[in-house]
Structure formats: structure tokens, C-alpha cells
Amino acid sequence: MNERIQKLIEQATSTQGPTLYNPLTFEVFDKEKFAELLVRECAVYCEGHILPRGMAEENDLDYNDGIMDCAIGLKTIFGIE
């Protein structure tokens, strides 16, 4: 599994127990927290790819170039082909 995804899974997992009625300790995976962490990581990555208008115009780049670069980068960092 991709290292970044594993890190997010660990951040979304908590240890619970023991309690008065259950002496066992167990891990609980919070799906909503995982989804939030994943979306935040993607947003931070994409925000880092915003080019100033002048630089984009100088290099003949448009909005679609930035979107494609972000999409390719996200696939790469999460190990998706």
C-alpha cells in the first residue's frame, strides 16, 4: 500500500478500551476522518500548483494545464496509475 495512504489510515485509527465492561483494547477506523484527511491532502497539493497569472501567460499555460498537472500529481503521490 502507498506510504501516504497508510499514514492517513493510521491518523484515522484510534485505540479504544479497556472499559469497565470490556477488558480488551481494540482499534477503531474512522471512515469520515480518513475521507477528510484525504481531501485535505489533495487540496493542499493542488493549492501548491497554482501559477501566478503572469507566469502562466509567459509560459503559454492555461487553466486546463494546471488541472491536468494537479490530477497527474495526485495519482503519482498516491501510487495510482
C-alpha atoms as a PDB file:
ATOM      1  CA  MET A   1       0.000   0.000   0.000  1.00  0.00           C
ATOM      2  CA  ASN A   2       1.183   3.525  -0.743  1.00  0.00           C
ATOM      3  CA  GLU A   3       3.038   5.094   2.188  1.00  0.00           C
ATOM      4  CA  ARG A   4       0.933   8.264   2.165  1.00  0.00           C
ATOM      5  CA  ILE A   5      -2.330   6.337   2.220  1.00  0.00           C
ATOM      6  CA  GLN A   6      -1.016   4.161   5.067  1.00  0.00           C
ATOM      7  CA  LYS A   7      -0.128   7.309   7.023  1.00  0.00           C
ATOM      8  CA  LEU A   8      -3.667   8.671   6.561  1.00  0.00           C
ATOM      9  CA  ILE A   9      -5.141   5.340   7.688  1.00  0.00           C
ATOM     10  CA  GLU A  10      -3.025   5.478  10.839  1.00  0.00           C
ATOM     11  CA  GLN A  11      -4.155   9.042  11.538  1.00  0.00           C
ATOM     12  CA  ALA A  12      -7.801   7.976  11.165  1.00  0.00           C
ATOM     13  CA  THR A  13      -7.402   4.997  13.509  1.00  0.00           C
ATOM     14  CA  SER A  14      -7.688   5.284  17.268  1.00  0.00           C
ATOM     15  CA  THR A  15      -7.189   2.815  20.093  1.00  0.00           C
ATOM     16  CA  GLN A  16     -10.089   2.308  22.480  1.00  0.00           C
ATOM     17  CA  GLY A  17     -10.579   0.316  25.641  1.00  0.00           C
ATOM     18  CA  PRO A  18     -10.367  -1.235  28.025  1.00  0.00           C
ATOM     19  CA  THR A  19     -13.638  -0.303  29.716  1.00  0.00           C
ATOM     20  CA  LEU A  20     -15.432  -1.458  32.806  1.00  0.00           C
ATOM     21  CA  TYR A  21     -17.439  -3.956  30.743  1.00  0.00           C
ATOM     22  CA  ASN A  22     -14.840  -4.905  28.142  1.00  0.00           C
ATOM     23  CA  PRO A  23     -11.238  -5.552  29.205  1.00  0.00           C
ATOM     24  CA  LEU A  24      -9.975  -5.653  25.607  1.00  0.00           C
ATOM     25  CA  THR A  25      -8.207  -2.901  23.717  1.00  0.00           C
ATOM     26  CA  PHE A  26      -9.117  -2.512  20.057  1.00  0.00           C
ATOM     27  CA  GLU A  27      -8.577  -0.178  17.115  1.00  0.00           C
ATOM     28  CA  VAL A  28     -11.373   1.831  15.531  1.00  0.00           C
ATOM     29  CA  PHE A  29     -11.084   3.149  11.968  1.00  0.00           C
ATOM     30  CA  ASP A  30     -12.943   6.426  11.415  1.00  0.00           C
ATOM     31  CA  LYS A  31     -14.014   6.476   7.742  1.00  0.00           C
ATOM     32  CA  GLU A  32     -15.169  10.093   7.881  1.00  0.00           C
ATOM     33  CA  LYS A  33     -11.870  11.268   9.367  1.00  0.00           C
ATOM     34  CA  PHE A  34      -9.954   9.311   6.711  1.00  0.00           C
ATOM     35  CA  ALA A  35     -12.016  10.938   3.940  1.00  0.00           C
ATOM     36  CA  GLU A  36     -11.456  14.394   5.452  1.00  0.00           C
ATOM     37  CA  LEU A  37      -7.699  13.830   5.750  1.00  0.00           C
ATOM     38  CA  LEU A  38      -7.536  12.576   2.162  1.00  0.00           C
ATOM     39  CA  VAL A  39      -9.445  15.565   0.785  1.00  0.00           C
ATOM     40  CA  ARG A  40      -7.308  17.985   2.816  1.00  0.00           C
ATOM     41  CA  GLU A  41      -4.102  16.399   1.498  1.00  0.00           C
ATOM     42  CA  CYS A  42      -5.383  16.660  -2.073  1.00  0.00           C
ATOM     43  CA  ALA A  43      -6.436  20.294  -1.599  1.00  0.00           C
ATOM     44  CA  VAL A  44      -3.053  21.278  -0.164  1.00  0.00           C
ATOM     45  CA  TYR A  45      -1.307  19.547  -3.058  1.00  0.00           C
ATOM     46  CA  CYS A  46      -3.452  21.313  -5.683  1.00  0.00           C
ATOM     47  CA  GLU A  47      -3.115  24.703  -3.982  1.00  0.00           C
ATOM     48  CA  GLY A  48       0.633  24.329  -4.359  1.00  0.00           C
ATOM     49  CA  HIS A  49       0.238  24.090  -8.136  1.00  0.00           C
ATOM     50  CA  ILE A  50      -1.458  27.450  -8.660  1.00  0.00           C
ATOM     51  CA  LEU A  51       0.634  29.557 -11.007  1.00  0.00           C
ATOM     52  CA  PRO A  52       0.629  33.337 -10.894  1.00  0.00           C
ATOM     53  CA  ARG A  53      -1.198  34.734 -13.927  1.00  0.00           C
ATOM     54  CA  GLY A  54       1.941  36.360 -15.314  1.00  0.00           C
ATOM     55  CA  MET A  55       3.957  33.154 -15.149  1.00  0.00           C
ATOM     56  CA  ALA A  56       1.146  31.219 -16.809  1.00  0.00           C
ATOM     57  CA  GLU A  57       0.889  33.766 -19.634  1.00  0.00           C
ATOM     58  CA  GLU A  58       4.672  33.838 -20.144  1.00  0.00           C
ATOM     59  CA  ASN A  59       4.764  30.053 -20.489  1.00  0.00           C
ATOM     60  CA  ASP A  60       1.599  29.854 -22.603  1.00  0.00           C
ATOM     61  CA  LEU A  61      -0.245  27.789 -19.974  1.00  0.00           C
ATOM     62  CA  ASP A  62      -3.953  27.848 -19.285  1.00  0.00           C
ATOM     63  CA  TYR A  63      -6.372  26.627 -16.635  1.00  0.00           C
ATOM     64  CA  ASN A  64      -6.588  23.109 -18.105  1.00  0.00           C
ATOM     65  CA  ASP A  65      -2.795  22.709 -17.895  1.00  0.00           C
ATOM     66  CA  GLY A  66      -2.923  23.381 -14.158  1.00  0.00           C
ATOM     67  CA  ILE A  67      -5.825  20.979 -13.635  1.00  0.00           C
ATOM     68  CA  MET A  68      -4.078  18.221 -15.578  1.00  0.00           C
ATOM     69  CA  ASP A  69      -0.819  18.777 -13.687  1.00  0.00           C
ATOM     70  CA  CYS A  70      -2.660  18.514 -10.377  1.00  0.00           C
ATOM     71  CA  ALA A  71      -4.514  15.349 -11.435  1.00  0.00           C
ATOM     72  CA  ILE A  72      -1.327  13.648 -12.624  1.00  0.00           C
ATOM     73  CA  GLY A  73       0.500  14.679  -9.464  1.00  0.00           C
ATOM     74  CA  LEU A  74      -2.240  13.334  -7.175  1.00  0.00           C
ATOM     75  CA  LYS A  75      -2.198   9.990  -8.958  1.00  0.00           C
ATOM     76  CA  THR A  76       1.572   9.871  -8.601  1.00  0.00           C
ATOM     77  CA  ILE A  77       1.765  10.679  -4.886  1.00  0.00           C
ATOM     78  CA  PHE A  78      -0.939   8.144  -4.050  1.00  0.00           C
ATOM     79  CA  GLY A  79       0.539   5.456  -6.312  1.00  0.00           C
ATOM     80  CA  ILE A  80      -2.390   5.221  -8.724  1.00  0.00           C
ATOM     81  CA  GLU A  81      -1.811   4.579 -12.418  1.00  0.00           C
END
